[in-house]
């Protein structure tokens, strides 16, 4: 779930910023945009029976700011207590305890974050993009794959995150998270369909997505171009796969590296 939040709250590449003077610039602007986005897309409270100490808008905005600033819960709660501008923007009745943010984060689900992500994409007004699709794995364990193989144990707490990225701006249009290790192509159909409203020109995907089913979703349902290399050794069948049997358009296909770049940045955040 951490990876979903980072997709919405894109982290900065600089050092951690913790002074109020620096916070008054870009971070406060980010907080205002996040708060407005949450107020438009989320209910005020998750349940009529909740305590109503803080709204979902306030807590989600705080989580997004915390993620962008790369701070731990305790550190972030301490920062909020000494920066009255944050409380002013979010209209906080009091400073929330760091465990309040932790518990709220454990309750939110992927559908809620998907709504925020789709709403944030509309702010850019992008039309007819060329999209790159890629996936990567996340694990909370520190053991290497070699060590796990030696002790004959499988990786725990592993998730597979697939993203669709604009190759020009590196903006993430859609995401799909699955618990456990799965083949890349399993979530490709749903991920690609999420971008239909953007009227994309085409898609670049690696060989892991080489199957006629994905070509049909892109070309017949979205009316876009698909650049997916044909894997050697597999049966060469299918109308659209046969069109690419002699190679893809390298200029279009090479845009796929933008999705790998976003995945790399997100893992380092």
C-alpha atoms as a PDB file:
ATOM      1  CA  UNK A   1       0.000   0.000   0.000  1.00  0.00           C
ATOM      2  CA  UNK A   2       2.939   2.348   0.572  1.00  0.00           C
ATOM      3  CA  UNK A   3       3.733   2.251  -3.133  1.00  0.00           C
ATOM      4  CA  UNK A   4       0.230   3.467  -4.033  1.00  0.00           C
ATOM      5  CA  UNK A   5       0.570   6.506  -1.828  1.00  0.00           C
ATOM      6  CA  UNK A   6       3.925   7.375  -3.376  1.00  0.00           C
ATOM      7  CA  UNK A   7       2.353   7.214  -6.838  1.00  0.00           C
ATOM      8  CA  UNK A   8      -0.039   9.994  -5.878  1.00  0.00           C
ATOM      9  CA  UNK A   9       2.359  12.032  -3.757  1.00  0.00           C
ATOM     10  CA  UNK A  10       5.402  12.087  -6.038  1.00  0.00           C
ATOM     11  CA  UNK A  11       8.501  12.576  -3.862  1.00  0.00           C
ATOM     12  CA  UNK A  12      11.070  15.271  -4.434  1.00  0.00           C
ATOM     13  CA  UNK A  13      14.609  14.440  -5.461  1.00  0.00           C
ATOM     14  CA  UNK A  14      16.293  16.834  -3.055  1.00  0.00           C
ATOM     15  CA  UNK A  15      17.120  16.571   0.621  1.00  0.00           C
ATOM     16  CA  UNK A  16      14.498  16.482   3.355  1.00  0.00           C
ATOM     17  CA  UNK A  17      13.053  19.928   4.027  1.00  0.00           C
ATOM     18  CA  UNK A  18      12.095  20.595   7.612  1.00  0.00           C
ATOM     19  CA  UNK A  19      12.168  24.354   8.150  1.00  0.00           C
ATOM     20  CA  UNK A  20       9.005  26.434   8.099  1.00  0.00           C
ATOM     21  CA  UNK A  21      10.471  28.962   5.648  1.00  0.00           C
ATOM     22  CA  UNK A  22      11.117  26.261   3.048  1.00  0.00           C
ATOM     23  CA  UNK A  23       7.820  24.561   3.833  1.00  0.00           C
ATOM     24  CA  UNK A  24       5.944  27.801   3.099  1.00  0.00           C
ATOM     25  CA  UNK A  25       6.819  27.442  -0.596  1.00  0.00           C
ATOM     26  CA  UNK A  26       6.309  24.322  -2.663  1.00  0.00           C
ATOM     27  CA  UNK A  27       5.159  22.043   0.133  1.00  0.00           C
ATOM     28  CA  UNK A  28       2.337  24.332   1.250  1.00  0.00           C
ATOM     29  CA  UNK A  29       1.211  24.658  -2.358  1.00  0.00           C
ATOM     30  CA  UNK A  30       1.299  20.882  -2.669  1.00  0.00           C
ATOM     31  CA  UNK A  31      -0.693  20.574   0.555  1.00  0.00           C
ATOM     32  CA  UNK A  32      -3.389  22.959  -0.699  1.00  0.00           C
ATOM     33  CA  UNK A  33      -3.760  21.066  -3.971  1.00  0.00           C
ATOM     34  CA  UNK A  34      -3.880  17.738  -2.121  1.00  0.00           C
ATOM     35  CA  UNK A  35      -6.482  19.019   0.324  1.00  0.00           C
ATOM     36  CA  UNK A  36      -8.689  20.316  -2.476  1.00  0.00           C
ATOM     37  CA  UNK A  37      -8.366  17.024  -4.321  1.00  0.00           C
ATOM     38  CA  UNK A  38      -9.327  15.018  -1.243  1.00  0.00           C
ATOM     39  CA  UNK A  39     -12.336  17.242  -0.512  1.00  0.00           C
ATOM     40  CA  UNK A  40     -13.649  16.674  -4.022  1.00  0.00           C
ATOM     41  CA  UNK A  41     -13.120  12.904  -4.165  1.00  0.00           C
ATOM     42  CA  UNK A  42     -13.481  11.576  -0.611  1.00  0.00           C
ATOM     43  CA  UNK A  43     -16.305  11.452   1.875  1.00  0.00           C
ATOM     44  CA  UNK A  44     -15.897  13.633   4.939  1.00  0.00           C
ATOM     45  CA  UNK A  45     -15.921  10.621   7.281  1.00  0.00           C
ATOM     46  CA  UNK A  46     -15.545   6.923   6.575  1.00  0.00           C
ATOM     47  CA  UNK A  47     -18.530   6.051   8.794  1.00  0.00           C
ATOM     48  CA  UNK A  48     -21.289   7.807  10.701  1.00  0.00           C
ATOM     49  CA  UNK A  49     -20.106   5.881  13.769  1.00  0.00           C
ATOM     50  CA  UNK A  50     -16.462   7.011  13.622  1.00  0.00           C
ATOM     51  CA  UNK A  51     -15.114   9.437  16.220  1.00  0.00           C
ATOM     52  CA  UNK A  52     -15.087  12.401  13.798  1.00  0.00           C
ATOM     53  CA  UNK A  53     -11.975  13.887  15.407  1.00  0.00           C
ATOM     54  CA  UNK A  54     -10.462  14.468  11.969  1.00  0.00           C
ATOM     55  CA  UNK A  55     -11.909  14.244   8.469  1.00  0.00           C
ATOM     56  CA  UNK A  56     -10.644  11.870   5.812  1.00  0.00           C
ATOM     57  CA  UNK A  57      -9.628  14.951   3.818  1.00  0.00           C
ATOM     58  CA  UNK A  58      -7.314  16.132   6.575  1.00  0.00           C
ATOM     59  CA  UNK A  59      -5.734  12.761   7.306  1.00  0.00           C
ATOM     60  CA  UNK A  60      -5.174  11.855   3.666  1.00  0.00           C
ATOM     61  CA  UNK A  61      -3.620  15.260   2.942  1.00  0.00           C
ATOM     62  CA  UNK A  62      -1.263  14.785   5.880  1.00  0.00           C
ATOM     63  CA  UNK A  63      -0.279  11.327   4.622  1.00  0.00           C
ATOM     64  CA  UNK A  64       0.428  12.695   1.153  1.00  0.00           C
ATOM     65  CA  UNK A  65       2.587  15.488   2.578  1.00  0.00           C
ATOM     66  CA  UNK A  66       4.427  13.031   4.834  1.00  0.00           C
ATOM     67  CA  UNK A  67       5.150  10.781   1.869  1.00  0.00           C
ATOM     68  CA  UNK A  68       6.473  13.635  -0.218  1.00  0.00           C
ATOM     69  CA  UNK A  69       8.732  14.849   2.596  1.00  0.00           C
ATOM     70  CA  UNK A  70      10.064  11.333   3.257  1.00  0.00           C
ATOM     71  CA  UNK A  71       9.562  11.534   7.009  1.00  0.00           C
ATOM     72  CA  UNK A  72       8.635   8.889   9.538  1.00  0.00           C
ATOM     73  CA  UNK A  73       5.351   9.155  11.411  1.00  0.00           C
ATOM     74  CA  UNK A  74       6.916  10.454  14.617  1.00  0.00           C
ATOM     75  CA  UNK A  75       9.075  12.962  12.775  1.00  0.00           C
ATOM     76  CA  UNK A  76       6.168  14.213  10.703  1.00  0.00           C
ATOM     77  CA  UNK A  77       3.857  14.613  13.713  1.00  0.00           C
ATOM     78  CA  UNK A  78       6.568  16.674  15.397  1.00  0.00           C
ATOM     79  CA  UNK A  79       6.950  18.831  12.302  1.00  0.00           C
ATOM     80  CA  UNK A  80       3.212  19.498  12.125  1.00  0.00           C
ATOM     81  CA  UNK A  81       3.226  20.631  15.756  1.00  0.00           C
ATOM     82  CA  UNK A  82       5.804  23.373  15.057  1.00  0.00           C
ATOM     83  CA  UNK A  83       4.408  24.494  11.684  1.00  0.00           C
ATOM     84  CA  UNK A  84       1.092  26.308  12.256  1.00  0.00           C
ATOM     85  CA  UNK A  85       0.648  26.863   8.516  1.00  0.00           C
ATOM     86  CA  UNK A  86      -0.159  23.180   8.067  1.00  0.00           C
ATOM     87  CA  UNK A  87      -2.887  23.329  10.714  1.00  0.00           C
ATOM     88  CA  UNK A  88      -4.204  26.538   9.157  1.00  0.00           C
ATOM     89  CA  UNK A  89      -4.446  25.092   5.621  1.00  0.00           C
ATOM     90  CA  UNK A  90      -6.119  21.879   6.790  1.00  0.00           C
ATOM     91  CA  UNK A  91      -8.210  23.558   9.515  1.00  0.00           C
ATOM     92  CA  UNK A  92      -7.047  21.011  12.083  1.00  0.00           C
ATOM     93  CA  UNK A  93      -8.824  21.239  15.452  1.00  0.00           C
ATOM     94  CA  UNK A  94      -5.622  19.920  17.071  1.00  0.00           C
ATOM     95  CA  UNK A  95      -2.418  18.122  16.139  1.00  0.00           C
ATOM     96  CA  UNK A  96      -3.105  14.428  15.430  1.00  0.00           C
ATOM     97  CA  UNK A  97      -1.018  11.815  17.199  1.00  0.00           C
ATOM     98  CA  UNK A  98       1.306   9.903  14.893  1.00  0.00           C
ATOM     99  CA  UNK A  99      -0.601   6.663  15.581  1.00  0.00           C
ATOM    100  CA  UNK A 100      -3.742   8.316  14.200  1.00  0.00           C
ATOM    101  CA  UNK A 101      -2.042   8.597  10.826  1.00  0.00           C
ATOM    102  CA  UNK A 102      -0.740   5.041  11.058  1.00  0.00           C
ATOM    103  CA  UNK A 103      -4.183   3.611  11.790  1.00  0.00           C
ATOM    104  CA  UNK A 104      -5.807   5.647   9.035  1.00  0.00           C
ATOM    105  CA  UNK A 105      -3.209   4.435   6.554  1.00  0.00           C
ATOM    106  CA  UNK A 106      -3.885   0.807   7.506  1.00  0.00           C
ATOM    107  CA  UNK A 107      -7.619   1.294   6.841  1.00  0.00           C
ATOM    108  CA  UNK A 108      -7.546   2.893   3.409  1.00  0.00           C
ATOM    109  CA  UNK A 109      -7.824   0.627   0.391  1.00  0.00           C
ATOM    110  CA  UNK A 110      -6.713   0.635  -3.219  1.00  0.00           C
ATOM    111  CA  UNK A 111     -10.066   1.861  -4.653  1.00  0.00           C
ATOM    112  CA  UNK A 112      -9.813   5.065  -2.626  1.00  0.00           C
ATOM    113  CA  UNK A 113      -6.279   5.747  -3.841  1.00  0.00           C
ATOM    114  CA  UNK A 114      -7.317   4.913  -7.408  1.00  0.00           C
ATOM    115  CA  UNK A 115      -9.961   7.645  -7.258  1.00  0.00           C
ATOM    116  CA  UNK A 116      -7.406  10.169  -6.071  1.00  0.00           C
ATOM    117  CA  UNK A 117      -4.927   9.139  -8.742  1.00  0.00           C
ATOM    118  CA  UNK A 118      -7.468   9.457 -11.565  1.00  0.00           C
ATOM    119  CA  UNK A 119      -8.585  12.845 -10.255  1.00  0.00           C
ATOM    120  CA  UNK A 120      -4.998  14.115 -10.038  1.00  0.00           C
ATOM    121  CA  UNK A 121      -4.346  13.046 -13.645  1.00  0.00           C
ATOM    122  CA  UNK A 122      -7.207  15.266 -14.828  1.00  0.00           C
ATOM    123  CA  UNK A 123      -5.442  18.308 -13.382  1.00  0.00           C
ATOM    124  CA  UNK A 124      -2.797  18.083 -16.120  1.00  0.00           C
ATOM    125  CA  UNK A 125      -5.265  18.052 -19.017  1.00  0.00           C
ATOM    126  CA  UNK A 126      -3.207  15.562 -21.040  1.00  0.00           C
ATOM    127  CA  UNK A 127      -4.762  14.149 -24.200  1.00  0.00           C
ATOM    128  CA  UNK A 128      -3.545  11.638 -26.785  1.00  0.00           C
ATOM    129  CA  UNK A 129      -0.458  10.487 -24.850  1.00  0.00           C
ATOM    130  CA  UNK A 130       1.921   7.686 -25.713  1.00  0.00           C
ATOM    131  CA  UNK A 131       1.897   5.334 -22.724  1.00  0.00           C
ATOM    132  CA  UNK A 132       4.513   2.946 -21.348  1.00  0.00           C
ATOM    133  CA  UNK A 133       3.500   0.035 -19.122  1.00  0.00           C
ATOM    134  CA  UNK A 134       5.793  -1.780 -16.727  1.00  0.00           C
ATOM    135  CA  UNK A 135       5.671  -3.597 -13.397  1.00  0.00           C
ATOM    136  CA  UNK A 136       7.978  -4.145 -10.454  1.00  0.00           C
ATOM    137  CA  UNK A 137       7.966  -6.050  -7.186  1.00  0.00           C
ATOM    138  CA  UNK A 138       8.121  -4.756  -3.622  1.00  0.00           C
ATOM    139  CA  UNK A 139       9.116  -6.652  -0.516  1.00  0.00           C
ATOM    140  CA  UNK A 140       9.519  -5.592   3.104  1.00  0.00           C
ATOM    141  CA  UNK A 141      12.138  -8.304   3.694  1.00  0.00           C
ATOM    142  CA  UNK A 142      15.849  -7.529   3.536  1.00  0.00           C
ATOM    143  CA  UNK A 143      17.000 -11.016   2.542  1.00  0.00           C
ATOM    144  CA  UNK A 144      18.352 -11.435  -0.977  1.00  0.00           C
ATOM    145  CA  UNK A 145      16.839 -13.828  -3.520  1.00  0.00           C
ATOM    146  CA  UNK A 146      20.001 -15.934  -3.307  1.00  0.00           C
ATOM    147  CA  UNK A 147      19.663 -16.322   0.456  1.00  0.00           C
ATOM    148  CA  UNK A 148      15.980 -17.257   0.189  1.00  0.00           C
ATOM    149  CA  UNK A 149      16.865 -19.895  -2.386  1.00  0.00           C
ATOM    150  CA  UNK A 150      19.535 -21.364  -0.131  1.00  0.00           C
ATOM    151  CA  UNK A 151      17.248 -21.715   2.900  1.00  0.00           C
ATOM    152  CA  UNK A 152      14.336 -22.927   0.720  1.00  0.00           C
ATOM    153  CA  UNK A 153      11.904 -20.256   1.851  1.00  0.00           C
ATOM    154  CA  UNK A 154       9.620 -18.084  -0.217  1.00  0.00           C
ATOM    155  CA  UNK A 155       9.537 -14.324   0.010  1.00  0.00           C
ATOM    156  CA  UNK A 156       6.952 -12.885   2.407  1.00  0.00           C
ATOM    157  CA  UNK A 157       5.024  -9.617   2.156  1.00  0.00           C
ATOM    158  CA  UNK A 158       5.643  -9.377  -1.572  1.00  0.00           C
ATOM    159  CA  UNK A 159       3.493  -7.250  -3.875  1.00  0.00           C
ATOM    160  CA  UNK A 160       3.503  -6.629  -7.623  1.00  0.00           C
ATOM    161  CA  UNK A 161       2.877  -3.059  -8.758  1.00  0.00           C
ATOM    162  CA  UNK A 162       2.026  -2.271 -12.392  1.00  0.00           C
ATOM    163  CA  UNK A 163       1.912   1.288 -13.726  1.00  0.00           C
ATOM    164  CA  UNK A 164       0.949   3.111 -16.925  1.00  0.00           C
ATOM    165  CA  UNK A 165       3.114   6.196 -17.501  1.00  0.00           C
ATOM    166  CA  UNK A 166       3.086   9.117 -19.922  1.00  0.00           C
ATOM    167  CA  UNK A 167       6.348   8.839 -21.853  1.00  0.00           C
ATOM    168  CA  UNK A 168       6.601  12.625 -22.268  1.00  0.00           C
ATOM    169  CA  UNK A 169       5.951  13.883 -18.735  1.00  0.00           C
ATOM    170  CA  UNK A 170       6.458  10.668 -16.680  1.00  0.00           C
ATOM    171  CA  UNK A 171       3.051  11.251 -15.089  1.00  0.00           C
ATOM    172  CA  UNK A 172       1.465   8.059 -13.783  1.00  0.00           C
ATOM    173  CA  UNK A 173      -1.962   7.559 -15.355  1.00  0.00           C
ATOM    174  CA  UNK A 174      -3.000   4.303 -13.698  1.00  0.00           C
ATOM    175  CA  UNK A 175      -1.740   1.627 -11.355  1.00  0.00           C
ATOM    176  CA  UNK A 176      -2.612  -1.890 -10.273  1.00  0.00           C
ATOM    177  CA  UNK A 177      -1.293  -3.661  -7.183  1.00  0.00           C
ATOM    178  CA  UNK A 178      -1.482  -7.398  -6.598  1.00  0.00           C
ATOM    179  CA  UNK A 179      -0.357  -9.268  -3.501  1.00  0.00           C
ATOM    180  CA  UNK A 180       2.160 -11.964  -4.306  1.00  0.00           C
ATOM    181  CA  UNK A 181       4.339 -12.702  -7.304  1.00  0.00           C
ATOM    182  CA  UNK A 182       2.398 -12.894 -10.567  1.00  0.00           C
ATOM    183  CA  UNK A 183       3.138 -12.718 -14.269  1.00  0.00           C
ATOM    184  CA  UNK A 184       3.245  -9.188 -15.688  1.00  0.00           C
ATOM    185  CA  UNK A 185       0.512  -9.769 -18.266  1.00  0.00           C
ATOM    186  CA  UNK A 186      -2.169 -10.738 -15.727  1.00  0.00           C
ATOM    187  CA  UNK A 187      -2.988  -7.149 -14.738  1.00  0.00           C
ATOM    188  CA  UNK A 188      -2.232  -5.532 -18.088  1.00  0.00           C
ATOM    189  CA  UNK A 189      -5.806  -5.582 -19.437  1.00  0.00           C
ATOM    190  CA  UNK A 190      -7.347  -3.762 -16.475  1.00  0.00           C
ATOM    191  CA  UNK A 191      -4.452  -1.302 -16.332  1.00  0.00           C
ATOM    192  CA  UNK A 192      -4.705  -0.405 -20.011  1.00  0.00           C
ATOM    193  CA  UNK A 193      -8.493   0.033 -19.869  1.00  0.00           C
ATOM    194  CA  UNK A 194      -8.099   2.610 -17.089  1.00  0.00           C
ATOM    195  CA  UNK A 195      -6.415   4.941 -19.601  1.00  0.00           C
ATOM    196  CA  UNK A 196      -9.232   4.808 -22.166  1.00  0.00           C
ATOM    197  CA  UNK A 197     -10.564   8.272 -21.226  1.00  0.00           C
ATOM    198  CA  UNK A 198      -7.199   9.788 -22.230  1.00  0.00           C
ATOM    199  CA  UNK A 199      -7.599   8.559 -25.827  1.00  0.00           C
ATOM    200  CA  UNK A 200      -3.971   7.349 -26.046  1.00  0.00           C
ATOM    201  CA  UNK A 201      -2.020   7.160 -29.295  1.00  0.00           C
ATOM    202  CA  UNK A 202      -0.246   3.956 -28.427  1.00  0.00           C
ATOM    203  CA  UNK A 203       1.468   1.736 -25.873  1.00  0.00           C
ATOM    204  CA  UNK A 204       4.988   0.415 -25.427  1.00  0.00           C
ATOM    205  CA  UNK A 205       5.408  -2.804 -23.422  1.00  0.00           C
ATOM    206  CA  UNK A 206       8.236  -5.292 -23.035  1.00  0.00           C
ATOM    207  CA  UNK A 207       8.283  -8.945 -24.088  1.00  0.00           C
ATOM    208  CA  UNK A 208       6.669 -10.040 -20.849  1.00  0.00           C
ATOM    209  CA  UNK A 209       3.373  -8.650 -22.176  1.00  0.00           C
ATOM    210  CA  UNK A 210       3.591 -10.424 -25.545  1.00  0.00           C
ATOM    211  CA  UNK A 211       0.190 -12.011 -26.133  1.00  0.00           C
ATOM    212  CA  UNK A 212      -2.604 -11.498 -28.640  1.00  0.00           C
ATOM    213  CA  UNK A 213      -5.116 -10.684 -25.873  1.00  0.00           C
ATOM    214  CA  UNK A 214      -3.285  -7.508 -24.879  1.00  0.00           C
ATOM    215  CA  UNK A 215      -2.908  -6.437 -28.523  1.00  0.00           C
ATOM    216  CA  UNK A 216      -6.664  -6.769 -28.990  1.00  0.00           C
ATOM    217  CA  UNK A 217      -7.438  -4.649 -25.915  1.00  0.00           C
ATOM    218  CA  UNK A 218      -5.147  -1.867 -27.143  1.00  0.00           C
ATOM    219  CA  UNK A 219      -6.038  -1.896 -30.831  1.00  0.00           C
ATOM    220  CA  UNK A 220      -9.697  -2.911 -30.873  1.00  0.00           C
ATOM    221  CA  UNK A 221     -11.030  -1.427 -27.624  1.00  0.00           C
ATOM    222  CA  UNK A 222      -8.856   1.707 -27.417  1.00  0.00           C
ATOM    223  CA  UNK A 223      -8.065   2.179 -31.096  1.00  0.00           C
ATOM    224  CA  UNK A 224      -4.384   2.734 -30.317  1.00  0.00           C
ATOM    225  CA  UNK A 225      -1.072   1.361 -31.563  1.00  0.00           C
ATOM    226  CA  UNK A 226       0.759  -1.388 -29.672  1.00  0.00           C
ATOM    227  CA  UNK A 227       4.513  -1.950 -29.721  1.00  0.00           C
ATOM    228  CA  UNK A 228       5.316  -5.258 -27.994  1.00  0.00           C
ATOM    229  CA  UNK A 229       8.276  -7.385 -29.164  1.00  0.00           C
ATOM    230  CA  UNK A 230       7.491 -10.983 -30.044  1.00  0.00           C
ATOM    231  CA  UNK A 231       9.196 -13.482 -27.758  1.00  0.00           C
ATOM    232  CA  UNK A 232      11.437 -15.993 -29.447  1.00  0.00           C
ATOM    233  CA  UNK A 233      10.499 -19.635 -29.129  1.00  0.00           C
ATOM    234  CA  UNK A 234       6.755 -19.079 -28.756  1.00  0.00           C
ATOM    235  CA  UNK A 235       4.184 -20.075 -31.343  1.00  0.00           C
ATOM    236  CA  UNK A 236       3.831 -17.251 -33.843  1.00  0.00           C
ATOM    237  CA  UNK A 237       0.072 -16.843 -34.100  1.00  0.00           C
ATOM    238  CA  UNK A 238      -2.406 -14.020 -33.838  1.00  0.00           C
ATOM    239  CA  UNK A 239      -3.111 -11.207 -36.287  1.00  0.00           C
ATOM    240  CA  UNK A 240      -1.375  -8.424 -34.365  1.00  0.00           C
ATOM    241  CA  UNK A 241       1.562 -10.502 -33.154  1.00  0.00           C
ATOM    242  CA  UNK A 242       2.312 -11.529 -36.736  1.00  0.00           C
ATOM    243  CA  UNK A 243       2.514  -7.842 -37.708  1.00  0.00           C
ATOM    244  CA  UNK A 244       5.401  -7.416 -35.269  1.00  0.00           C
ATOM    245  CA  UNK A 245       7.204 -10.662 -35.993  1.00  0.00           C
ATOM    246  CA  UNK A 246       9.964  -8.822 -37.887  1.00  0.00           C
ATOM    247  CA  UNK A 247      10.447  -6.248 -35.164  1.00  0.00           C
ATOM    248  CA  UNK A 248       8.857  -3.219 -33.541  1.00  0.00           C
ATOM    249  CA  UNK A 249       9.233   0.470 -34.288  1.00  0.00           C
ATOM    250  CA  UNK A 250      12.333   1.120 -32.181  1.00  0.00           C
ATOM    251  CA  UNK A 251      11.660   4.851 -31.820  1.00  0.00           C
ATOM    252  CA  UNK A 252       8.229   4.177 -30.322  1.00  0.00           C
ATOM    253  CA  UNK A 253       9.213   1.100 -28.361  1.00  0.00           C
ATOM    254  CA  UNK A 254      12.201   2.754 -26.690  1.00  0.00           C
ATOM    255  CA  UNK A 255       9.824   5.136 -24.909  1.00  0.00           C
ATOM    256  CA  UNK A 256       9.109   2.209 -22.601  1.00  0.00           C
ATOM    257  CA  UNK A 257      12.208   3.153 -20.582  1.00  0.00           C
ATOM    258  CA  UNK A 258      10.223   6.022 -19.029  1.00  0.00           C
ATOM    259  CA  UNK A 259       8.139   3.515 -17.049  1.00  0.00           C
ATOM    260  CA  UNK A 260      11.322   1.851 -15.781  1.00  0.00           C
ATOM    261  CA  UNK A 261      12.620   5.252 -14.702  1.00  0.00           C
ATOM    262  CA  UNK A 262       9.457   5.971 -12.718  1.00  0.00           C
ATOM    263  CA  UNK A 263       9.632   2.556 -11.058  1.00  0.00           C
ATOM    264  CA  UNK A 264      13.240   3.177 -10.100  1.00  0.00           C
ATOM    265  CA  UNK A 265      12.475   6.588  -8.610  1.00  0.00           C
ATOM    266  CA  UNK A 266       9.487   5.199  -6.711  1.00  0.00           C
ATOM    267  CA  UNK A 267      11.585   2.372  -5.216  1.00  0.00           C
ATOM    268  CA  UNK A 268      14.248   4.811  -4.019  1.00  0.00           C
ATOM    269  CA  UNK A 269      11.671   7.082  -2.369  1.00  0.00           C
END
